[in-house]
Protein backbone atom coordinates (compact mmCIF):
# COMPACT_ATOMS: atom_id res chain seq x y z
CA UNK A 1 11.26 3.03 3.21
CA UNK A 2 10.24 2.25 -0.33
CA UNK A 3 7.35 -0.03 -1.12
CA UNK A 4 6.44 -0.90 -4.68
CA UNK A 5 2.75 -0.68 -5.47
CA UNK A 6 1.05 -2.82 -8.08
CA UNK A 7 -1.72 -1.21 -10.08
CA UNK A 8 -3.81 -1.90 -13.14
CA UNK A 9 -4.97 0.29 -16.03
CA UNK A 10 -8.76 0.12 -16.06
CA UNK A 11 -11.91 2.18 -15.76
CA UNK A 12 -13.42 3.33 -12.47
CA UNK A 13 -16.34 0.98 -13.14
CA UNK A 14 -13.87 -1.90 -12.52
CA UNK A 15 -12.57 -0.50 -9.24
CA UNK A 16 -14.24 -3.12 -7.02
CA UNK A 17 -12.84 -5.93 -9.20
CA UNK A 18 -9.35 -4.42 -9.01
CA UNK A 19 -9.58 -4.17 -5.21
CA UNK A 20 -10.80 -7.78 -4.99
CA UNK A 21 -7.91 -8.89 -7.21
CA UNK A 22 -5.42 -7.25 -4.82
CA UNK A 23 -4.31 -4.26 -6.90
CA UNK A 24 -3.03 -1.32 -4.85
CA UNK A 25 -4.50 1.25 -7.23
CA UNK A 26 -5.97 1.78 -10.67
CA UNK A 27 -4.73 3.97 -13.50
CA UNK A 28 -7.63 5.53 -15.40
CA UNK A 29 -7.89 7.01 -18.90
CA UNK A 30 -8.13 10.80 -18.91
CA UNK A 31 -9.44 10.80 -22.49
CA UNK A 32 -12.25 8.42 -21.57
CA UNK A 33 -13.22 10.46 -18.50
CA UNK A 34 -13.03 13.77 -20.38
CA UNK A 35 -15.37 12.44 -23.07
CA UNK A 36 -18.08 11.52 -20.55
CA UNK A 37 -21.21 13.57 -20.14
CA UNK A 38 -21.66 15.24 -16.77
CA UNK A 39 -24.15 12.55 -15.76
CA UNK A 40 -21.81 9.72 -16.79
CA UNK A 41 -18.95 11.30 -14.89
CA UNK A 42 -21.03 11.72 -11.72
CA UNK A 43 -21.71 7.97 -11.74
CA UNK A 44 -18.00 7.08 -11.80
CA UNK A 45 -17.24 9.84 -9.28
CA UNK A 46 -19.69 8.19 -6.88
CA UNK A 47 -17.89 4.85 -7.29
CA UNK A 48 -14.51 6.50 -6.69
CA UNK A 49 -15.82 8.37 -3.63
CA UNK A 50 -16.31 5.00 -1.90
CA UNK A 51 -12.58 4.30 -2.28
CA UNK A 52 -10.72 7.61 -1.89
CA UNK A 53 -7.36 7.87 -3.63
CA UNK A 54 -7.64 4.38 -5.16
CA UNK A 55 -7.74 5.94 -8.64
CA UNK A 56 -4.17 7.11 -8.21
CA UNK A 57 -2.91 7.66 -11.78
CA UNK A 58 -4.26 8.69 -15.16
CA UNK A 59 -2.94 7.94 -18.62
CA UNK A 60 -4.28 8.81 -22.08
CA UNK A 61 -3.79 12.46 -21.28
CA UNK A 62 -4.71 14.20 -24.55
CA UNK A 63 -6.70 12.93 -27.56
CA UNK A 64 -5.02 13.04 -30.95
CA UNK A 65 -7.27 15.81 -32.26
CA UNK A 66 -5.80 18.26 -29.73
CA UNK A 67 -2.44 18.91 -31.34
CA UNK A 68 0.60 19.41 -29.07
CA UNK A 69 3.15 19.89 -31.86
CA UNK A 70 2.99 21.23 -35.39
CA UNK A 71 1.29 24.21 -37.04
CA UNK A 72 -2.14 23.58 -35.48
CA UNK A 73 -1.28 23.90 -31.78
CA UNK A 74 -3.91 25.90 -29.88
CA UNK A 75 -2.62 26.66 -26.38
CA UNK A 76 -5.99 28.02 -25.22
CA UNK A 77 -7.71 24.79 -26.25
CA UNK A 78 -5.02 22.77 -24.46
CA UNK A 79 -5.50 24.82 -21.28
CA UNK A 80 -9.31 24.53 -21.43
CA UNK A 81 -9.12 20.76 -21.90
CA UNK A 82 -6.62 20.49 -19.05
CA UNK A 83 -8.72 22.63 -16.69
CA UNK A 84 -11.80 20.48 -17.28
CA UNK A 85 -10.15 17.07 -17.27
CA UNK A 86 -7.66 17.61 -14.42
CA UNK A 87 -10.51 18.84 -12.21
CA UNK A 88 -12.38 15.62 -12.97
CA UNK A 89 -9.27 13.58 -12.18
CA UNK A 90 -8.87 15.45 -8.89
CA UNK A 91 -12.43 14.52 -7.91
CA UNK A 92 -11.45 10.87 -8.38
CA UNK A 93 -8.35 11.35 -6.22
CA UNK A 94 -5.82 11.12 -9.06
CA UNK A 95 -2.38 12.37 -8.02
CA UNK A 96 -0.17 11.32 -10.97
CA UNK A 97 -0.92 12.34 -14.56
CA UNK A 98 1.05 10.46 -17.20
CA UNK A 99 1.94 12.52 -20.27
CA UNK A 100 2.48 10.14 -23.18
CA UNK A 101 -0.14 11.14 -25.78
CA UNK A 102 1.66 9.84 -28.87
CA UNK A 103 -0.99 10.82 -31.45
CA UNK A 104 -1.29 14.34 -30.09
CA UNK A 105 2.44 15.01 -29.88
CA UNK A 106 3.86 13.20 -32.92
CA UNK A 107 5.75 15.78 -34.99
CA UNK A 108 4.22 16.25 -38.46
CA UNK A 109 6.45 15.53 -41.45
CA UNK A 110 8.49 18.57 -42.42
CA UNK A 111 7.89 20.40 -39.12
CA UNK A 112 10.93 21.61 -37.16
CA UNK A 113 11.84 19.34 -34.25
CA UNK A 114 13.41 22.32 -32.44
CA UNK A 115 10.08 24.16 -32.66
CA UNK A 116 8.23 21.00 -31.58
CA UNK A 117 10.44 20.79 -28.47
CA UNK A 118 9.64 24.43 -27.67
CA UNK A 119 5.94 23.67 -28.08
CA UNK A 120 6.17 20.68 -25.75
CA UNK A 121 7.87 22.79 -23.09
CA UNK A 122 5.01 25.33 -23.29
CA UNK A 123 2.39 22.57 -23.25
CA UNK A 124 4.01 20.80 -20.28
CA UNK A 125 4.08 24.09 -18.36
CA UNK A 126 0.34 24.44 -19.02
CA UNK A 127 -0.20 20.92 -17.67
CA UNK A 128 2.01 21.77 -14.69
CA UNK A 129 0.09 24.97 -13.86
CA UNK A 130 -3.28 23.24 -13.99
CA UNK A 131 -2.09 20.14 -12.13
CA UNK A 132 -0.57 22.28 -9.36
CA UNK A 133 -4.04 23.64 -8.53
CA UNK A 134 -5.05 20.09 -7.61
CA UNK A 135 -1.84 18.89 -5.97
CA UNK A 136 -1.09 16.66 -8.96
CA UNK A 137 2.23 15.68 -10.53
CA UNK A 138 2.78 15.35 -14.28
CA UNK A 139 5.14 12.56 -15.34
CA UNK A 140 6.53 12.55 -18.87
CA UNK A 141 6.33 9.13 -20.46
CA UNK A 142 8.87 8.28 -23.13
CA UNK A 143 7.26 6.15 -25.81
CA UNK A 144 8.74 3.92 -28.48
CA UNK A 145 9.80 4.59 -32.05
CA UNK A 146 6.86 2.61 -33.47
CA UNK A 147 4.37 4.94 -31.77
CA UNK A 148 5.97 8.36 -31.74
CA UNK A 149 8.87 10.37 -33.15
CA UNK A 150 9.57 12.66 -30.19
CA UNK A 151 10.18 11.97 -26.47
CA UNK A 152 11.26 8.42 -27.22
CA UNK A 153 14.20 7.43 -24.98
CA UNK A 154 14.08 8.01 -21.23
CA UNK A 155 16.74 10.71 -21.65
CA UNK A 156 14.20 12.73 -23.71
CA UNK A 157 11.73 12.46 -20.85
CA UNK A 158 14.41 13.75 -18.47
CA UNK A 159 15.30 16.55 -20.91
CA UNK A 160 11.69 17.74 -21.18
CA UNK A 161 11.25 17.64 -17.40
CA UNK A 162 14.40 19.75 -16.97
CA UNK A 163 13.42 22.22 -19.70
CA UNK A 164 9.95 22.60 -18.17
CA UNK A 165 11.63 23.41 -14.85
CA UNK A 166 8.62 22.86 -12.61
CA UNK A 167 8.55 21.11 -9.25
CA UNK A 168 5.51 19.00 -10.16
CA UNK A 169 6.92 17.72 -13.48
CA UNK A 170 9.02 14.56 -13.44
CA UNK A 171 10.40 12.04 -15.92
CA UNK A 172 8.84 8.59 -16.08
CA UNK A 173 9.96 5.14 -17.20
CA UNK A 174 7.59 2.71 -18.87
CA UNK A 175 9.33 -0.67 -19.08
CA UNK A 176 7.33 -1.75 -22.14
CA UNK A 177 8.60 1.24 -24.15
CA UNK A 178 12.06 0.91 -22.62
CA UNK A 179 12.34 -2.67 -23.88
CA UNK A 180 10.79 -1.83 -27.28
CA UNK A 181 13.50 0.80 -27.74
CA UNK A 182 16.30 -1.57 -26.67
CA UNK A 183 17.29 0.70 -23.78
CA UNK A 184 19.10 -0.88 -20.86
CA UNK A 185 18.28 -0.40 -17.19
CA UNK A 186 21.98 0.13 -16.53
CA UNK A 187 21.82 3.29 -18.67
CA UNK A 188 19.22 4.90 -16.38
CA UNK A 189 21.46 5.66 -13.40
CA UNK A 190 22.15 9.28 -14.51
CA UNK A 191 18.39 9.83 -14.90
CA UNK A 192 17.39 8.76 -11.38
CA UNK A 193 17.30 12.26 -9.78
CA UNK A 194 14.72 13.33 -12.40
CA UNK A 195 12.41 10.33 -12.05
């Protein structure tokens, strides 16, 4: 049986309001949580502890100053950030980590797109390794051409998931980006096994 869940993107501090409004879950911002001091994080962790697994998803995976493509990629920095932030997400009960991160992954002008794809495979495998420690799944979000120049159509999301070749990495569809790109739902049928 399949049951669609309705969630809302908001901070943990709004969890009670989301529950009262009837949302099935909330999707939190990883960047916001990662930027918190230890004391600030403990306060939101206490709120989340009262409603286990209600903070089900996380978006805003990587801030723009942590480069995922281009000449300034630092895989150690990416792993360190992932280790810290995914552990925090796990404490909140987050199971799904959405990898969009347009500012961090946009390919710099003049940089090879083939090399950028190779970098994104390496980066996604790092995310996969860290997420696996916490029983989390990474879903690759295709964006739209106004926001990013790589991983734009859903087929790119599927391609990156396949190239990463990890059980806990899947493709993702965001209907806002899908519509912005003029993609049609009827074109997604071949992608379904990867979603």
